N, C-alpha and C. Protein backbone atom coordinates (compact mmCIF):
# COMPACT_ATOMS: atom_id res chain seq x y z
N UNK A 1 106.07 -23.78 -151.84
CA UNK A 1 105.64 -23.69 -153.23
C UNK A 1 106.44 -22.61 -153.91
N UNK A 2 107.03 -22.90 -155.06
CA UNK A 2 107.81 -21.94 -155.81
C UNK A 2 107.34 -21.90 -157.25
N UNK A 3 107.32 -20.69 -157.83
CA UNK A 3 106.94 -20.54 -159.23
C UNK A 3 107.95 -19.64 -159.91
N UNK A 4 108.37 -20.01 -161.12
CA UNK A 4 109.28 -19.21 -161.92
C UNK A 4 108.69 -19.05 -163.29
N UNK A 5 108.80 -17.83 -163.87
CA UNK A 5 108.28 -17.57 -165.20
C UNK A 5 109.38 -16.96 -166.05
N UNK A 6 109.63 -17.52 -167.23
CA UNK A 6 110.60 -16.98 -168.18
C UNK A 6 109.86 -16.55 -169.44
N UNK A 7 110.24 -15.42 -169.99
CA UNK A 7 109.68 -14.94 -171.26
C UNK A 7 110.54 -15.44 -172.40
N UNK A 8 109.95 -16.17 -173.36
CA UNK A 8 110.69 -16.76 -174.47
C UNK A 8 110.26 -16.08 -175.77
N UNK A 9 110.93 -16.44 -176.86
CA UNK A 9 110.56 -15.91 -178.17
C UNK A 9 109.22 -16.50 -178.61
N UNK A 10 108.41 -15.67 -179.27
CA UNK A 10 107.09 -16.11 -179.71
C UNK A 10 106.70 -15.30 -180.94
N UNK A 11 105.60 -15.68 -181.63
CA UNK A 11 105.13 -14.86 -182.75
C UNK A 11 104.88 -13.43 -182.31
N UNK A 12 104.86 -12.51 -183.27
CA UNK A 12 104.79 -11.08 -182.96
C UNK A 12 103.53 -10.70 -182.19
N UNK A 13 102.46 -11.44 -182.38
CA UNK A 13 101.21 -11.08 -181.72
C UNK A 13 101.01 -11.84 -180.40
N UNK A 14 102.02 -12.56 -179.92
CA UNK A 14 101.88 -13.32 -178.69
C UNK A 14 103.23 -13.41 -177.99
N UNK A 15 103.20 -13.70 -176.70
CA UNK A 15 104.42 -13.94 -175.93
C UNK A 15 104.44 -15.41 -175.51
N UNK A 16 105.64 -15.98 -175.48
CA UNK A 16 105.75 -17.36 -175.04
C UNK A 16 106.40 -17.38 -173.66
N UNK A 17 105.79 -18.11 -172.74
CA UNK A 17 106.27 -18.19 -171.37
C UNK A 17 106.62 -19.64 -171.02
N UNK A 18 107.70 -19.78 -170.27
CA UNK A 18 107.99 -21.06 -169.65
C UNK A 18 107.73 -20.89 -168.15
N UNK A 19 106.81 -21.67 -167.62
CA UNK A 19 106.40 -21.55 -166.23
C UNK A 19 106.79 -22.82 -165.49
N UNK A 20 107.55 -22.67 -164.42
CA UNK A 20 107.93 -23.80 -163.58
C UNK A 20 107.31 -23.61 -162.20
N UNK A 21 106.50 -24.57 -161.79
CA UNK A 21 105.79 -24.49 -160.51
C UNK A 21 106.12 -25.72 -159.68
N UNK A 22 106.69 -25.50 -158.51
CA UNK A 22 107.10 -26.63 -157.67
C UNK A 22 106.44 -26.54 -156.30
N UNK A 23 105.82 -27.64 -155.88
CA UNK A 23 105.24 -27.75 -154.55
C UNK A 23 105.95 -28.88 -153.81
N UNK A 24 106.45 -28.58 -152.61
CA UNK A 24 107.17 -29.58 -151.82
C UNK A 24 106.47 -29.80 -150.50
N UNK A 25 106.30 -31.06 -150.14
CA UNK A 25 105.71 -31.45 -148.86
C UNK A 25 106.78 -32.15 -148.02
N UNK A 26 106.92 -31.74 -146.77
CA UNK A 26 107.81 -32.41 -145.83
C UNK A 26 106.99 -32.83 -144.62
N UNK A 27 106.94 -34.10 -144.35
CA UNK A 27 106.08 -34.64 -143.30
C UNK A 27 106.87 -34.86 -142.01
N UNK A 28 106.20 -34.61 -140.89
CA UNK A 28 106.85 -34.79 -139.59
C UNK A 28 107.22 -36.24 -139.34
N UNK A 29 106.46 -37.15 -139.92
CA UNK A 29 106.77 -38.56 -139.84
C UNK A 29 106.40 -39.20 -141.18
N UNK A 30 107.03 -40.30 -141.53
CA UNK A 30 106.80 -40.88 -142.87
C UNK A 30 105.33 -41.14 -143.16
N UNK A 31 104.93 -40.78 -144.37
CA UNK A 31 103.59 -41.09 -144.86
C UNK A 31 103.58 -42.52 -145.38
N UNK A 32 102.66 -43.33 -144.88
CA UNK A 32 102.59 -44.72 -145.33
C UNK A 32 102.13 -44.80 -146.78
N UNK A 33 101.16 -43.95 -147.13
CA UNK A 33 100.66 -43.89 -148.50
C UNK A 33 99.88 -42.58 -148.66
N UNK A 34 99.74 -42.13 -149.88
CA UNK A 34 99.03 -40.89 -150.11
C UNK A 34 98.43 -40.82 -151.51
N UNK A 35 97.30 -40.15 -151.62
CA UNK A 35 96.62 -39.93 -152.90
C UNK A 35 96.50 -38.44 -153.14
N UNK A 36 96.79 -37.99 -154.35
CA UNK A 36 96.79 -36.56 -154.68
C UNK A 36 96.06 -36.32 -155.99
N UNK A 37 95.28 -35.23 -156.01
CA UNK A 37 94.66 -34.73 -157.24
C UNK A 37 95.19 -33.32 -157.46
N UNK A 38 95.71 -33.04 -158.64
CA UNK A 38 96.32 -31.74 -158.92
C UNK A 38 95.85 -31.20 -160.26
N UNK A 39 95.75 -29.86 -160.33
CA UNK A 39 95.46 -29.15 -161.58
C UNK A 39 96.66 -28.23 -161.84
N UNK A 40 97.63 -28.68 -162.61
CA UNK A 40 98.89 -27.96 -162.76
C UNK A 40 99.28 -27.70 -164.21
N UNK A 41 98.36 -27.96 -165.13
CA UNK A 41 98.65 -27.74 -166.55
C UNK A 41 97.66 -26.72 -167.10
N UNK A 42 98.14 -25.60 -167.66
CA UNK A 42 97.23 -24.59 -168.21
C UNK A 42 96.39 -25.17 -169.34
N UNK A 43 95.24 -24.61 -169.52
CA UNK A 43 94.36 -25.07 -170.59
C UNK A 43 94.43 -24.11 -171.77
N UNK A 44 94.06 -24.59 -172.93
CA UNK A 44 93.96 -23.72 -174.11
C UNK A 44 92.74 -22.82 -173.96
N UNK A 45 92.88 -21.57 -174.34
CA UNK A 45 91.78 -20.61 -174.32
C UNK A 45 91.86 -19.79 -175.61
N UNK A 46 90.89 -18.93 -175.86
CA UNK A 46 90.98 -18.10 -177.08
C UNK A 46 92.22 -17.22 -177.12
N UNK A 47 92.85 -16.95 -175.96
CA UNK A 47 94.01 -16.06 -175.95
C UNK A 47 95.32 -16.76 -175.54
N UNK A 48 95.29 -18.06 -175.27
CA UNK A 48 96.53 -18.74 -174.95
C UNK A 48 96.51 -20.16 -175.49
N UNK A 49 97.73 -20.65 -175.82
CA UNK A 49 97.88 -22.00 -176.37
C UNK A 49 98.97 -22.73 -175.59
N UNK A 50 98.65 -23.92 -175.11
CA UNK A 50 99.62 -24.73 -174.42
C UNK A 50 100.56 -25.38 -175.45
N UNK A 51 101.85 -25.06 -175.36
CA UNK A 51 102.83 -25.60 -176.29
C UNK A 51 103.35 -26.95 -175.81
N UNK A 52 103.69 -27.03 -174.52
CA UNK A 52 104.20 -28.29 -173.98
C UNK A 52 103.99 -28.28 -172.47
N UNK A 53 104.01 -29.47 -171.88
CA UNK A 53 103.85 -29.57 -170.43
C UNK A 53 104.49 -30.86 -169.93
N UNK A 54 104.98 -30.80 -168.70
CA UNK A 54 105.58 -31.98 -168.09
C UNK A 54 105.42 -31.84 -166.58
N UNK A 55 104.84 -32.83 -165.93
CA UNK A 55 104.68 -32.82 -164.48
C UNK A 55 105.45 -34.00 -163.91
N UNK A 56 106.43 -33.71 -163.07
CA UNK A 56 107.29 -34.72 -162.48
C UNK A 56 106.98 -34.83 -160.98
N UNK A 57 106.74 -36.04 -160.52
CA UNK A 57 106.45 -36.30 -159.11
C UNK A 57 107.57 -37.14 -158.53
N UNK A 58 108.07 -36.73 -157.38
CA UNK A 58 109.10 -37.48 -156.66
C UNK A 58 108.64 -37.70 -155.22
N UNK A 59 108.64 -38.93 -154.72
CA UNK A 59 109.04 -40.15 -155.41
C UNK A 59 108.07 -40.54 -156.52
N UNK A 60 108.53 -41.37 -157.43
CA UNK A 60 107.70 -41.76 -158.58
C UNK A 60 106.45 -42.47 -158.09
N UNK A 61 105.26 -42.04 -158.53
CA UNK A 61 104.01 -42.64 -158.05
C UNK A 61 103.87 -44.10 -158.46
N UNK A 62 103.17 -44.85 -157.64
CA UNK A 62 102.84 -46.23 -157.97
C UNK A 62 101.65 -46.28 -158.93
N UNK A 63 100.80 -45.26 -158.87
CA UNK A 63 99.67 -45.14 -159.79
C UNK A 63 99.62 -43.70 -160.29
N UNK A 64 99.27 -43.53 -161.55
CA UNK A 64 99.18 -42.19 -162.13
C UNK A 64 98.18 -42.20 -163.26
N UNK A 65 97.31 -41.18 -163.30
CA UNK A 65 96.30 -41.08 -164.35
C UNK A 65 96.06 -39.61 -164.65
N UNK A 66 95.75 -39.29 -165.90
CA UNK A 66 95.47 -37.92 -166.30
C UNK A 66 94.25 -37.90 -167.21
N UNK A 67 93.44 -36.84 -167.08
CA UNK A 67 92.27 -36.70 -167.94
C UNK A 67 91.84 -35.24 -167.96
N UNK A 68 90.88 -34.93 -168.82
CA UNK A 68 90.28 -33.60 -168.90
C UNK A 68 88.90 -33.67 -168.29
N UNK A 69 88.62 -32.78 -167.32
CA UNK A 69 87.33 -32.84 -166.65
C UNK A 69 86.24 -32.19 -167.49
N UNK A 70 85.02 -32.19 -166.98
CA UNK A 70 83.87 -31.71 -167.74
C UNK A 70 83.97 -30.21 -168.04
N UNK A 71 84.81 -29.49 -167.28
CA UNK A 71 84.97 -28.05 -167.50
C UNK A 71 86.16 -27.74 -168.42
N UNK A 72 86.85 -28.78 -168.92
CA UNK A 72 87.97 -28.57 -169.82
C UNK A 72 89.30 -28.40 -169.13
N UNK A 73 89.39 -28.68 -167.83
CA UNK A 73 90.64 -28.55 -167.09
C UNK A 73 91.40 -29.87 -167.08
N UNK A 74 92.73 -29.80 -167.19
CA UNK A 74 93.55 -30.99 -167.10
C UNK A 74 93.70 -31.41 -165.64
N UNK A 75 93.49 -32.70 -165.38
CA UNK A 75 93.54 -33.24 -164.02
C UNK A 75 94.60 -34.33 -163.96
N UNK A 76 95.42 -34.25 -162.92
CA UNK A 76 96.41 -35.29 -162.65
C UNK A 76 96.08 -35.94 -161.31
N UNK A 77 95.95 -37.25 -161.30
CA UNK A 77 95.71 -37.99 -160.06
C UNK A 77 96.79 -39.06 -159.92
N UNK A 78 97.40 -39.11 -158.73
CA UNK A 78 98.44 -40.12 -158.53
C UNK A 78 98.41 -40.61 -157.09
N UNK A 79 99.04 -41.77 -156.88
CA UNK A 79 99.08 -42.38 -155.56
C UNK A 79 100.46 -42.97 -155.31
N UNK A 80 100.94 -42.80 -154.08
CA UNK A 80 102.21 -43.39 -153.64
C UNK A 80 101.89 -44.34 -152.51
N UNK A 81 102.19 -45.62 -152.69
CA UNK A 81 101.78 -46.66 -151.74
C UNK A 81 102.94 -47.19 -150.91
N UNK A 82 103.96 -46.38 -150.72
CA UNK A 82 105.10 -46.79 -149.89
C UNK A 82 105.51 -45.62 -149.00
N UNK A 83 106.15 -45.88 -147.90
CA UNK A 83 106.49 -44.80 -146.96
C UNK A 83 107.39 -43.73 -147.61
N UNK A 84 107.10 -42.46 -147.31
CA UNK A 84 107.91 -41.35 -147.80
C UNK A 84 107.73 -40.16 -146.85
N UNK A 85 108.81 -39.42 -146.64
CA UNK A 85 108.73 -38.26 -145.75
C UNK A 85 108.84 -36.93 -146.50
N UNK A 86 109.07 -36.99 -147.81
CA UNK A 86 109.12 -35.80 -148.67
C UNK A 86 108.43 -36.13 -149.99
N UNK A 87 107.66 -35.18 -150.51
CA UNK A 87 107.08 -35.35 -151.84
C UNK A 87 107.18 -34.01 -152.58
N UNK A 88 107.62 -34.06 -153.83
CA UNK A 88 107.77 -32.85 -154.64
C UNK A 88 107.06 -33.04 -155.97
N UNK A 89 106.28 -32.01 -156.35
CA UNK A 89 105.56 -32.01 -157.63
C UNK A 89 106.06 -30.80 -158.42
N UNK A 90 106.66 -31.05 -159.58
CA UNK A 90 107.19 -29.97 -160.40
C UNK A 90 106.50 -29.97 -161.75
N UNK A 91 105.82 -28.87 -162.06
CA UNK A 91 105.14 -28.72 -163.34
C UNK A 91 105.91 -27.69 -164.17
N UNK A 92 106.29 -28.08 -165.40
CA UNK A 92 106.98 -27.17 -166.30
C UNK A 92 106.19 -27.09 -167.60
N UNK A 93 105.75 -25.89 -167.94
CA UNK A 93 104.89 -25.72 -169.12
C UNK A 93 105.39 -24.55 -169.95
N UNK A 94 105.15 -24.64 -171.26
CA UNK A 94 105.37 -23.51 -172.16
C UNK A 94 104.01 -23.13 -172.75
N UNK A 95 103.74 -21.83 -172.71
CA UNK A 95 102.44 -21.32 -173.15
C UNK A 95 102.66 -20.10 -174.03
N UNK A 96 101.94 -20.03 -175.15
CA UNK A 96 101.89 -18.82 -175.95
C UNK A 96 100.64 -18.05 -175.57
N UNK A 97 100.82 -16.79 -175.17
CA UNK A 97 99.69 -15.98 -174.70
C UNK A 97 99.62 -14.68 -175.47
N UNK A 98 98.42 -14.37 -175.94
CA UNK A 98 98.17 -13.10 -176.60
C UNK A 98 97.37 -12.19 -175.70
N UNK A 99 96.86 -11.13 -176.26
CA UNK A 99 96.07 -10.18 -175.48
C UNK A 99 94.75 -10.84 -175.07
N UNK A 100 94.44 -10.75 -173.78
CA UNK A 100 93.20 -11.32 -173.28
C UNK A 100 92.05 -10.38 -173.59
N UNK A 101 91.05 -10.92 -174.26
CA UNK A 101 89.91 -10.09 -174.64
C UNK A 101 88.82 -10.18 -173.58
N UNK A 102 88.08 -9.10 -173.44
CA UNK A 102 86.96 -9.09 -172.50
C UNK A 102 85.88 -10.04 -172.99
N UNK A 103 85.36 -10.92 -172.10
CA UNK A 103 84.30 -11.85 -172.54
C UNK A 103 83.06 -11.09 -172.99
N UNK A 104 82.54 -11.47 -174.12
CA UNK A 104 81.34 -10.83 -174.65
C UNK A 104 80.13 -11.70 -174.35
N UNK A 105 79.10 -11.10 -173.85
CA UNK A 105 77.87 -11.82 -173.56
C UNK A 105 76.71 -10.85 -173.66
N UNK A 106 75.71 -11.20 -174.46
CA UNK A 106 74.56 -10.33 -174.65
C UNK A 106 73.45 -10.61 -173.65
N UNK A 107 73.67 -11.56 -172.74
CA UNK A 107 72.62 -11.97 -171.82
C UNK A 107 72.61 -11.13 -170.55
N UNK A 108 71.44 -10.98 -169.98
CA UNK A 108 71.34 -10.36 -168.67
C UNK A 108 71.64 -11.41 -167.61
N UNK A 109 71.93 -10.95 -166.39
CA UNK A 109 72.23 -11.94 -165.33
C UNK A 109 70.99 -12.77 -165.00
N UNK A 110 69.79 -12.18 -165.18
CA UNK A 110 68.57 -12.95 -164.92
C UNK A 110 68.44 -14.11 -165.92
N UNK A 111 68.82 -13.88 -167.18
CA UNK A 111 68.75 -14.94 -168.18
C UNK A 111 69.73 -16.07 -167.85
N UNK A 112 70.92 -15.71 -167.41
CA UNK A 112 71.90 -16.73 -167.04
C UNK A 112 71.43 -17.49 -165.81
N UNK A 113 70.88 -16.79 -164.84
CA UNK A 113 70.41 -17.43 -163.61
C UNK A 113 69.27 -18.41 -163.89
N UNK A 114 68.54 -18.17 -164.99
CA UNK A 114 67.39 -19.03 -165.31
C UNK A 114 67.80 -20.32 -166.00
N UNK A 115 69.06 -20.43 -166.44
CA UNK A 115 69.52 -21.67 -167.08
C UNK A 115 69.47 -22.82 -166.10
N UNK A 116 69.15 -23.99 -166.63
CA UNK A 116 69.22 -25.21 -165.82
C UNK A 116 70.13 -26.20 -166.52
N UNK A 117 71.09 -26.72 -165.79
CA UNK A 117 72.05 -27.67 -166.33
C UNK A 117 72.59 -28.47 -165.15
N UNK A 118 72.41 -29.79 -165.14
CA UNK A 118 72.88 -30.61 -164.01
C UNK A 118 74.36 -30.42 -163.71
N UNK A 119 75.15 -30.04 -164.73
CA UNK A 119 76.59 -29.87 -164.52
C UNK A 119 76.89 -28.72 -163.57
N UNK A 120 76.09 -27.66 -163.63
CA UNK A 120 76.39 -26.47 -162.83
C UNK A 120 75.37 -26.18 -161.74
N UNK A 121 74.26 -26.88 -161.74
CA UNK A 121 73.22 -26.58 -160.75
C UNK A 121 73.72 -26.72 -159.32
N UNK A 122 74.65 -27.65 -159.09
CA UNK A 122 75.17 -27.84 -157.73
C UNK A 122 75.89 -26.60 -157.22
N UNK A 123 76.39 -25.77 -158.13
CA UNK A 123 77.14 -24.58 -157.71
C UNK A 123 76.23 -23.39 -157.43
N UNK A 124 74.93 -23.63 -157.43
CA UNK A 124 73.98 -22.60 -156.98
C UNK A 124 73.62 -22.78 -155.51
N UNK A 125 73.91 -23.94 -154.97
CA UNK A 125 73.52 -24.26 -153.60
C UNK A 125 74.45 -23.57 -152.60
N UNK A 126 73.91 -23.08 -151.48
CA UNK A 126 74.78 -22.47 -150.47
C UNK A 126 75.66 -23.51 -149.80
N UNK A 127 76.81 -23.07 -149.31
CA UNK A 127 77.70 -23.92 -148.55
C UNK A 127 77.99 -23.26 -147.21
N UNK A 128 78.66 -23.97 -146.33
CA UNK A 128 78.80 -23.51 -144.95
C UNK A 128 79.40 -22.11 -144.83
N UNK A 129 80.41 -21.81 -145.64
CA UNK A 129 81.09 -20.52 -145.53
C UNK A 129 80.73 -19.55 -146.64
N UNK A 130 79.81 -19.93 -147.51
CA UNK A 130 79.40 -19.07 -148.61
C UNK A 130 77.88 -19.11 -148.76
N UNK A 131 77.21 -18.67 -147.70
CA UNK A 131 75.75 -18.68 -147.71
C UNK A 131 75.21 -17.27 -147.54
N UNK A 132 74.21 -16.94 -148.33
CA UNK A 132 73.62 -15.61 -148.24
C UNK A 132 73.04 -15.35 -146.87
N UNK A 133 72.48 -16.38 -146.23
CA UNK A 133 71.89 -16.21 -144.91
C UNK A 133 72.94 -15.77 -143.89
N UNK A 134 74.20 -16.20 -144.10
CA UNK A 134 75.25 -15.83 -143.17
C UNK A 134 75.69 -14.39 -143.32
N UNK A 135 75.31 -13.74 -144.41
CA UNK A 135 75.72 -12.36 -144.63
C UNK A 135 74.70 -11.33 -144.20
N UNK A 136 73.43 -11.75 -144.14
CA UNK A 136 72.38 -10.84 -143.69
C UNK A 136 72.15 -9.67 -144.63
N UNK A 137 71.60 -8.57 -144.11
CA UNK A 137 71.26 -7.41 -144.94
C UNK A 137 72.46 -6.80 -145.67
N UNK A 138 73.65 -6.84 -145.06
CA UNK A 138 74.83 -6.27 -145.71
C UNK A 138 75.14 -6.99 -147.02
N UNK A 139 75.02 -8.31 -147.01
CA UNK A 139 75.27 -9.06 -148.23
C UNK A 139 74.18 -8.79 -149.26
N UNK A 140 72.95 -8.70 -148.81
CA UNK A 140 71.85 -8.41 -149.73
C UNK A 140 72.06 -7.08 -150.43
N UNK A 141 72.52 -6.07 -149.68
CA UNK A 141 72.75 -4.75 -150.28
C UNK A 141 73.91 -4.80 -151.28
N UNK A 142 74.96 -5.53 -150.94
CA UNK A 142 76.11 -5.65 -151.84
C UNK A 142 75.70 -6.30 -153.15
N UNK A 143 74.93 -7.38 -153.07
CA UNK A 143 74.49 -8.08 -154.28
C UNK A 143 73.51 -7.22 -155.08
N UNK A 144 72.58 -6.56 -154.40
CA UNK A 144 71.56 -5.76 -155.09
C UNK A 144 72.18 -4.59 -155.84
N UNK A 145 73.25 -4.01 -155.29
CA UNK A 145 73.89 -2.87 -155.95
C UNK A 145 74.55 -3.28 -157.26
N UNK A 146 75.02 -4.53 -157.35
CA UNK A 146 75.68 -5.00 -158.57
C UNK A 146 74.68 -5.58 -159.56
N UNK A 147 73.73 -6.36 -159.06
CA UNK A 147 72.81 -7.07 -159.94
C UNK A 147 71.51 -6.28 -160.09
N UNK A 148 71.64 -5.17 -160.81
CA UNK A 148 70.48 -4.33 -161.10
C UNK A 148 69.59 -5.03 -162.13
N UNK A 149 68.30 -4.81 -162.09
CA UNK A 149 67.40 -5.47 -163.03
C UNK A 149 67.80 -5.21 -164.49
N UNK A 150 67.90 -6.31 -165.26
CA UNK A 150 68.19 -6.19 -166.68
C UNK A 150 69.64 -5.91 -167.02
N UNK A 151 70.54 -5.95 -166.05
CA UNK A 151 71.94 -5.61 -166.31
C UNK A 151 72.65 -6.77 -166.99
N UNK A 152 73.57 -6.45 -167.89
CA UNK A 152 74.38 -7.45 -168.55
C UNK A 152 75.14 -8.26 -167.51
N UNK A 153 75.23 -9.57 -167.69
CA UNK A 153 75.81 -10.44 -166.67
C UNK A 153 77.29 -10.14 -166.43
N UNK A 154 78.04 -9.83 -167.49
CA UNK A 154 79.46 -9.53 -167.31
C UNK A 154 79.62 -8.21 -166.56
N UNK A 155 78.83 -7.20 -166.91
CA UNK A 155 78.90 -5.92 -166.22
C UNK A 155 78.52 -6.06 -164.75
N UNK A 156 77.54 -6.90 -164.46
CA UNK A 156 77.11 -7.08 -163.08
C UNK A 156 78.20 -7.75 -162.24
N UNK A 157 78.86 -8.77 -162.80
CA UNK A 157 79.93 -9.45 -162.06
C UNK A 157 81.13 -8.52 -161.89
N UNK A 158 81.43 -7.72 -162.92
CA UNK A 158 82.49 -6.72 -162.79
C UNK A 158 82.19 -5.76 -161.65
N UNK A 159 80.94 -5.33 -161.56
CA UNK A 159 80.55 -4.38 -160.51
C UNK A 159 80.68 -5.00 -159.13
N UNK A 160 80.33 -6.28 -159.01
CA UNK A 160 80.43 -6.97 -157.72
C UNK A 160 81.89 -7.08 -157.28
N UNK A 161 82.76 -7.55 -158.18
CA UNK A 161 84.15 -7.72 -157.80
C UNK A 161 84.82 -6.38 -157.51
N UNK A 162 84.44 -5.33 -158.23
CA UNK A 162 84.99 -4.00 -157.96
C UNK A 162 84.54 -3.50 -156.59
N UNK A 163 83.28 -3.77 -156.23
CA UNK A 163 82.78 -3.34 -154.93
C UNK A 163 83.52 -4.03 -153.80
N UNK A 164 83.83 -5.32 -153.97
CA UNK A 164 84.58 -6.05 -152.94
C UNK A 164 86.02 -5.51 -152.87
N UNK A 165 86.62 -5.26 -154.02
CA UNK A 165 88.00 -4.77 -154.06
C UNK A 165 88.13 -3.41 -153.37
N UNK A 166 87.20 -2.52 -153.67
CA UNK A 166 87.30 -1.16 -153.12
C UNK A 166 86.70 -1.04 -151.72
N UNK A 167 85.82 -1.94 -151.35
CA UNK A 167 85.10 -1.79 -150.09
C UNK A 167 85.63 -2.58 -148.92
N UNK A 168 86.65 -3.45 -149.18
CA UNK A 168 87.17 -4.30 -148.12
C UNK A 168 88.70 -4.18 -148.06
N UNK A 169 89.24 -4.35 -146.87
CA UNK A 169 90.68 -4.23 -146.64
C UNK A 169 91.30 -5.62 -146.52
N UNK A 170 92.42 -5.83 -147.21
CA UNK A 170 93.15 -7.09 -147.08
C UNK A 170 93.91 -7.08 -145.76
N UNK A 171 93.59 -8.02 -144.88
CA UNK A 171 94.18 -8.05 -143.54
C UNK A 171 94.46 -9.51 -143.16
N UNK A 172 95.71 -9.98 -143.36
CA UNK A 172 96.03 -11.38 -143.08
C UNK A 172 95.95 -11.76 -141.61
N UNK A 173 95.85 -10.78 -140.72
CA UNK A 173 95.75 -11.09 -139.29
C UNK A 173 94.31 -11.22 -138.81
N UNK A 174 93.35 -10.97 -139.71
CA UNK A 174 91.96 -10.88 -139.27
C UNK A 174 91.26 -12.23 -139.17
N UNK A 175 91.48 -13.12 -140.14
CA UNK A 175 90.63 -14.30 -140.26
C UNK A 175 91.44 -15.58 -140.32
N UNK A 176 90.71 -16.71 -140.24
CA UNK A 176 91.30 -18.02 -140.48
C UNK A 176 90.36 -18.80 -141.39
N UNK A 177 90.62 -20.09 -141.56
CA UNK A 177 89.85 -20.86 -142.54
C UNK A 177 88.38 -21.03 -142.16
N UNK A 178 88.02 -20.74 -140.91
CA UNK A 178 86.64 -20.96 -140.47
C UNK A 178 85.90 -19.67 -140.14
N UNK A 179 86.45 -18.51 -140.49
CA UNK A 179 85.82 -17.23 -140.15
C UNK A 179 84.47 -17.08 -140.84
N UNK A 180 83.39 -16.81 -140.09
CA UNK A 180 82.06 -16.66 -140.70
C UNK A 180 81.99 -15.44 -141.61
N UNK A 181 81.15 -15.54 -142.62
CA UNK A 181 80.98 -14.45 -143.57
C UNK A 181 80.45 -13.19 -142.89
N UNK A 182 79.62 -13.36 -141.88
CA UNK A 182 79.06 -12.21 -141.17
C UNK A 182 80.16 -11.37 -140.53
N UNK A 183 81.22 -12.02 -140.01
CA UNK A 183 82.33 -11.29 -139.41
C UNK A 183 83.09 -10.48 -140.45
N UNK A 184 83.26 -11.06 -141.63
CA UNK A 184 83.96 -10.37 -142.71
C UNK A 184 83.18 -9.14 -143.14
N UNK A 185 81.88 -9.27 -143.28
CA UNK A 185 81.04 -8.14 -143.69
C UNK A 185 81.01 -7.05 -142.62
N UNK A 186 80.99 -7.45 -141.37
CA UNK A 186 80.94 -6.47 -140.29
C UNK A 186 82.25 -5.68 -140.21
N UNK A 187 83.38 -6.37 -140.32
CA UNK A 187 84.68 -5.72 -140.18
C UNK A 187 85.16 -5.10 -141.49
N UNK A 188 84.57 -5.50 -142.62
CA UNK A 188 84.98 -5.02 -143.95
C UNK A 188 86.44 -5.32 -144.21
N UNK A 189 86.87 -6.50 -143.78
CA UNK A 189 88.27 -6.90 -144.00
C UNK A 189 88.37 -8.41 -144.01
N UNK A 190 89.50 -8.90 -144.51
CA UNK A 190 89.72 -10.34 -144.59
C UNK A 190 90.86 -10.64 -145.54
N UNK A 191 90.91 -11.87 -146.03
CA UNK A 191 91.93 -12.28 -146.99
C UNK A 191 91.24 -12.83 -148.24
N UNK A 192 92.05 -13.30 -149.19
CA UNK A 192 91.50 -13.71 -150.48
C UNK A 192 90.41 -14.77 -150.33
N UNK A 193 90.58 -15.70 -149.39
CA UNK A 193 89.57 -16.73 -149.19
C UNK A 193 88.25 -16.13 -148.73
N UNK A 194 88.31 -15.16 -147.82
CA UNK A 194 87.08 -14.50 -147.35
C UNK A 194 86.38 -13.79 -148.49
N UNK A 195 87.15 -13.12 -149.34
CA UNK A 195 86.54 -12.38 -150.45
C UNK A 195 85.97 -13.33 -151.50
N UNK A 196 86.59 -14.50 -151.66
CA UNK A 196 86.03 -15.51 -152.56
C UNK A 196 84.71 -16.03 -152.01
N UNK A 197 84.66 -16.29 -150.69
CA UNK A 197 83.41 -16.72 -150.06
C UNK A 197 82.32 -15.67 -150.24
N UNK A 198 82.72 -14.39 -150.07
CA UNK A 198 81.75 -13.30 -150.19
C UNK A 198 81.19 -13.23 -151.62
N UNK A 199 82.07 -13.30 -152.61
CA UNK A 199 81.62 -13.26 -154.00
C UNK A 199 80.72 -14.45 -154.32
N UNK A 200 81.10 -15.64 -153.84
CA UNK A 200 80.27 -16.83 -154.07
C UNK A 200 78.88 -16.65 -153.49
N UNK A 201 78.82 -16.16 -152.26
CA UNK A 201 77.52 -16.00 -151.60
C UNK A 201 76.66 -15.01 -152.36
N UNK A 202 77.25 -13.91 -152.85
CA UNK A 202 76.48 -12.93 -153.61
C UNK A 202 75.98 -13.52 -154.92
N UNK A 203 76.85 -14.21 -155.64
CA UNK A 203 76.46 -14.80 -156.92
C UNK A 203 75.36 -15.84 -156.74
N UNK A 204 75.54 -16.72 -155.75
CA UNK A 204 74.55 -17.76 -155.53
C UNK A 204 73.23 -17.19 -155.01
N UNK A 205 73.31 -16.07 -154.30
CA UNK A 205 72.08 -15.46 -153.76
C UNK A 205 71.15 -14.99 -154.86
N UNK A 206 71.70 -14.68 -156.05
CA UNK A 206 70.84 -14.25 -157.15
C UNK A 206 70.65 -15.37 -158.18
N UNK A 207 71.08 -16.59 -157.83
CA UNK A 207 70.82 -17.74 -158.68
C UNK A 207 71.91 -18.06 -159.68
N UNK A 208 73.05 -17.37 -159.62
CA UNK A 208 74.13 -17.64 -160.58
C UNK A 208 75.04 -18.74 -160.05
N UNK A 209 75.37 -19.74 -160.84
CA UNK A 209 76.26 -20.82 -160.38
C UNK A 209 77.69 -20.31 -160.28
N UNK A 210 78.34 -20.61 -159.18
CA UNK A 210 79.73 -20.20 -158.97
C UNK A 210 80.39 -21.18 -158.03
N UNK A 211 81.70 -21.41 -158.21
CA UNK A 211 82.40 -22.35 -157.34
C UNK A 211 83.75 -21.78 -156.93
N UNK A 212 84.26 -22.32 -155.84
CA UNK A 212 85.55 -21.93 -155.28
C UNK A 212 86.62 -22.83 -155.87
N UNK A 213 87.68 -22.23 -156.41
CA UNK A 213 88.79 -23.00 -156.97
C UNK A 213 90.06 -22.62 -156.23
N UNK A 214 90.75 -23.59 -155.67
CA UNK A 214 91.99 -23.33 -154.92
C UNK A 214 93.15 -23.93 -155.68
C-alpha cells in the first residue's frame, strides 16, 4: 500500500491536497474470482471539501457499483469474475481542507448513551475482542476515570483517548490479531488495533455506540 500527498494552490483560508493511494495485491496462485468493498474517497465535512476523485481498478472489474452509506461515507464495490494473479486499486483525490474545529456538543455522555436509534444500537453490543467483561476491573477503572457523572461527552472521550495514549506502550512485537483485551490491559502495551479494541470496550461499557473502522 502506498500513499502520496501533494500540496496544491487553494483559497487563502484552506489548503488543497492531491492524495494518491494505491493498494496492490499479489496472489500466490491465480484468483478465479474476487469481490471487494472499499472506502477510498474522502467525504465532505465542515472543514474539508472533495474537489474531485477517481478510483481505478486493474484488471478492470466485471461489475462495479458506488453509493453513499447511511453514515455518509462513499462506498465502492466491485467484482472480478476471471482469473488474475495481481490486483491494483488506485484512488486519486483532490481535497480542500481548512482548519479543523473541535466538535461542539452540549450533551453529557449519559444523555448520548440514553439515545435509541436502530442505526447505531448495534454498535453498543460487545464483540469478541472488544468486550468489557474481557477487561475486568482494570477496564472498569479506565472507563470510570474518563466518564465522570455529568461530564460533557466530548471531554469524556478526549479523556479516555488521552489515558490510553499516555498509559500504554506501542509494541508491535507484543500482540497479534487475536490477542485478548485482558492481556493488553495487564501488559499495558499493544498496537493500534489493541488500543482501538480497548477504546471500543470502554465506550460500549458505558452505553455509548462505537465501531471499529479499518
